[in-house]
Amino acid sequence: MSNALSGHPPASDGQPTINPLTVAKQAAVLMDKATRAVIERVPDKKDDARLCQASQAFHSLLVVSH
């Protein structure tokens, strides 16, 4: 990664300096992303009340268990 892309000015020996605040912010973003989950259940027929009820029951149980 070039210095221009890293957001750090070059150190005197040509190596990029490391900003602890930048590292901490990037770590926080990665931790936030690592703890996310996406659950999507799409019924085959939107007009089918039985499928909607089953989906509602699934999500209710999921919320209670987690």
N, C-alpha and C. Protein backbone atom coordinates (compact mmCIF):
# COMPACT_ATOMS: atom_id res chain seq x y z
N MET A 1 0.85 -1.17 0.00
CA MET A 1 0.00 0.00 0.00
C MET A 1 0.89 1.23 0.00
N SER A 2 0.61 2.13 -0.88
CA SER A 2 1.43 3.34 -0.94
C SER A 2 1.08 4.27 0.21
N ASN A 3 2.00 5.17 0.52
CA ASN A 3 1.75 6.12 1.60
C ASN A 3 0.53 6.98 1.33
N ALA A 4 0.32 7.32 0.07
CA ALA A 4 -0.83 8.16 -0.27
C ALA A 4 -2.13 7.45 0.05
N LEU A 5 -2.17 6.14 -0.14
CA LEU A 5 -3.38 5.38 0.12
C LEU A 5 -3.53 5.00 1.59
N SER A 6 -2.44 4.92 2.33
CA SER A 6 -2.52 4.49 3.72
C SER A 6 -2.99 5.61 4.64
N GLY A 7 -2.91 6.84 4.21
CA GLY A 7 -3.31 7.96 5.05
C GLY A 7 -2.25 8.36 6.04
N HIS A 8 -1.03 7.83 5.89
CA HIS A 8 0.06 8.14 6.80
C HIS A 8 1.18 8.82 6.03
N PRO A 9 1.75 9.88 6.60
CA PRO A 9 2.92 10.50 5.95
C PRO A 9 4.13 9.58 6.10
N PRO A 10 5.06 9.63 5.18
CA PRO A 10 6.24 8.76 5.29
C PRO A 10 7.12 9.18 6.46
N ALA A 11 7.72 8.19 7.10
CA ALA A 11 8.68 8.46 8.16
C ALA A 11 10.01 8.84 7.53
N SER A 12 10.96 9.23 8.34
CA SER A 12 12.24 9.70 7.82
C SER A 12 13.00 8.60 7.07
N ASP A 13 12.79 7.34 7.41
CA ASP A 13 13.51 6.26 6.73
C ASP A 13 12.73 5.70 5.54
N GLY A 14 11.66 6.36 5.14
CA GLY A 14 10.88 5.91 3.99
C GLY A 14 9.75 4.97 4.34
N GLN A 15 9.68 4.51 5.60
CA GLN A 15 8.59 3.64 6.03
C GLN A 15 7.41 4.49 6.49
N PRO A 16 6.18 4.03 6.25
CA PRO A 16 5.03 4.81 6.70
C PRO A 16 4.95 4.82 8.23
N THR A 17 4.53 5.95 8.79
CA THR A 17 4.33 6.01 10.24
C THR A 17 2.99 5.35 10.54
N ILE A 18 2.85 4.86 11.74
CA ILE A 18 1.61 4.19 12.15
C ILE A 18 0.90 5.08 13.15
N ASN A 19 -0.30 5.45 12.83
CA ASN A 19 -1.12 6.26 13.70
C ASN A 19 -1.99 5.33 14.54
N PRO A 20 -1.79 5.25 15.84
CA PRO A 20 -2.56 4.34 16.68
C PRO A 20 -4.07 4.59 16.62
N LEU A 21 -4.48 5.85 16.48
CA LEU A 21 -5.90 6.16 16.40
C LEU A 21 -6.51 5.57 15.13
N THR A 22 -5.81 5.67 14.01
CA THR A 22 -6.28 5.10 12.76
C THR A 22 -6.40 3.58 12.87
N VAL A 23 -5.41 2.95 13.47
CA VAL A 23 -5.44 1.50 13.65
C VAL A 23 -6.63 1.10 14.52
N ALA A 24 -6.87 1.84 15.60
CA ALA A 24 -7.99 1.54 16.49
C ALA A 24 -9.33 1.71 15.78
N LYS A 25 -9.45 2.76 14.97
CA LYS A 25 -10.70 2.97 14.24
C LYS A 25 -10.95 1.85 13.24
N GLN A 26 -9.91 1.44 12.53
CA GLN A 26 -10.06 0.35 11.56
C GLN A 26 -10.39 -0.96 12.27
N ALA A 27 -9.80 -1.20 13.42
CA ALA A 27 -10.10 -2.41 14.19
C ALA A 27 -11.55 -2.40 14.66
N ALA A 28 -12.05 -1.24 15.09
CA ALA A 28 -13.44 -1.14 15.53
C ALA A 28 -14.40 -1.43 14.39
N VAL A 29 -14.10 -0.93 13.21
CA VAL A 29 -14.94 -1.19 12.04
C VAL A 29 -14.96 -2.68 11.72
N LEU A 30 -13.79 -3.32 11.75
CA LEU A 30 -13.71 -4.75 11.46
C LEU A 30 -14.46 -5.57 12.51
N MET A 31 -14.35 -5.19 13.77
CA MET A 31 -15.07 -5.91 14.82
C MET A 31 -16.58 -5.76 14.66
N ASP A 32 -17.02 -4.57 14.28
CA ASP A 32 -18.45 -4.35 14.06
C ASP A 32 -18.95 -5.23 12.93
N LYS A 33 -18.20 -5.29 11.84
CA LYS A 33 -18.59 -6.11 10.70
C LYS A 33 -18.56 -7.59 11.04
N ALA A 34 -17.65 -8.00 11.90
CA ALA A 34 -17.50 -9.40 12.24
C ALA A 34 -18.64 -9.91 13.11
N THR A 35 -19.38 -9.02 13.74
CA THR A 35 -20.45 -9.45 14.64
C THR A 35 -21.84 -9.26 14.03
N ARG A 36 -21.92 -9.01 12.76
CA ARG A 36 -23.21 -8.82 12.10
C ARG A 36 -23.69 -10.13 11.47
N ALA A 37 -24.99 -10.23 11.36
CA ALA A 37 -25.58 -11.36 10.66
C ALA A 37 -26.80 -10.85 9.89
N VAL A 38 -27.00 -11.40 8.74
CA VAL A 38 -28.17 -11.06 7.94
C VAL A 38 -28.96 -12.34 7.70
N ILE A 39 -30.22 -12.31 8.10
CA ILE A 39 -31.09 -13.46 7.88
C ILE A 39 -32.26 -12.97 7.04
N GLU A 40 -32.41 -13.59 5.92
CA GLU A 40 -33.48 -13.17 5.01
C GLU A 40 -34.27 -14.39 4.60
N ARG A 41 -35.51 -14.37 4.90
CA ARG A 41 -36.41 -15.44 4.48
C ARG A 41 -37.51 -14.80 3.65
N VAL A 42 -37.55 -15.14 2.41
CA VAL A 42 -38.54 -14.56 1.50
C VAL A 42 -39.54 -15.65 1.13
N PRO A 43 -40.81 -15.45 1.47
CA PRO A 43 -41.81 -16.46 1.09
C PRO A 43 -41.96 -16.54 -0.43
N ASP A 44 -42.27 -17.74 -0.89
CA ASP A 44 -42.45 -17.93 -2.33
C ASP A 44 -43.65 -17.15 -2.85
N LYS A 45 -44.68 -17.08 -2.04
CA LYS A 45 -45.90 -16.37 -2.44
C LYS A 45 -46.23 -15.33 -1.38
N LYS A 46 -46.17 -14.09 -1.75
CA LYS A 46 -46.42 -13.02 -0.77
C LYS A 46 -47.85 -13.01 -0.27
N ASP A 47 -48.79 -13.55 -1.05
CA ASP A 47 -50.20 -13.55 -0.66
C ASP A 47 -50.58 -14.76 0.20
N ASP A 48 -49.64 -15.65 0.44
CA ASP A 48 -49.92 -16.86 1.21
C ASP A 48 -49.75 -16.55 2.70
N ALA A 49 -50.86 -16.44 3.42
CA ALA A 49 -50.83 -16.09 4.84
C ALA A 49 -50.09 -17.13 5.66
N ARG A 50 -50.17 -18.41 5.27
CA ARG A 50 -49.50 -19.48 6.01
C ARG A 50 -47.98 -19.28 5.98
N LEU A 51 -47.45 -18.90 4.83
CA LEU A 51 -46.01 -18.65 4.73
C LEU A 51 -45.61 -17.43 5.55
N CYS A 52 -46.44 -16.42 5.56
CA CYS A 52 -46.13 -15.21 6.35
C CYS A 52 -46.13 -15.54 7.84
N GLN A 53 -47.09 -16.37 8.28
CA GLN A 53 -47.15 -16.77 9.69
C GLN A 53 -45.94 -17.62 10.06
N ALA A 54 -45.54 -18.51 9.17
CA ALA A 54 -44.37 -19.35 9.44
C ALA A 54 -43.11 -18.49 9.54
N SER A 55 -43.00 -17.50 8.68
CA SER A 55 -41.85 -16.60 8.72
C SER A 55 -41.84 -15.79 10.01
N GLN A 56 -43.01 -15.32 10.41
CA GLN A 56 -43.13 -14.56 11.66
C GLN A 56 -42.74 -15.43 12.85
N ALA A 57 -43.19 -16.67 12.86
CA ALA A 57 -42.86 -17.57 13.95
C ALA A 57 -41.35 -17.84 13.99
N PHE A 58 -40.74 -18.05 12.84
CA PHE A 58 -39.30 -18.28 12.76
C PHE A 58 -38.53 -17.10 13.35
N HIS A 59 -38.88 -15.89 12.93
CA HIS A 59 -38.17 -14.71 13.40
C HIS A 59 -38.41 -14.48 14.90
N SER A 60 -39.60 -14.76 15.37
CA SER A 60 -39.89 -14.60 16.80
C SER A 60 -39.03 -15.55 17.63
N LEU A 61 -38.92 -16.80 17.19
CA LEU A 61 -38.08 -17.76 17.90
C LEU A 61 -36.61 -17.37 17.85
N LEU A 62 -36.19 -16.86 16.73
CA LEU A 62 -34.80 -16.43 16.58
C LEU A 62 -34.47 -15.29 17.54
N VAL A 63 -35.36 -14.34 17.64
CA VAL A 63 -35.14 -13.19 18.54
C VAL A 63 -35.08 -13.65 19.99
N VAL A 64 -35.96 -14.56 20.36
CA VAL A 64 -35.99 -15.03 21.74
C VAL A 64 -34.72 -15.82 22.07
N SER A 65 -34.24 -16.61 21.11
CA SER A 65 -33.08 -17.47 21.39
C SER A 65 -31.75 -16.73 21.31
N HIS A 66 -31.72 -15.55 20.70
CA HIS A 66 -30.45 -14.83 20.57
C HIS A 66 -30.62 -13.46 21.17
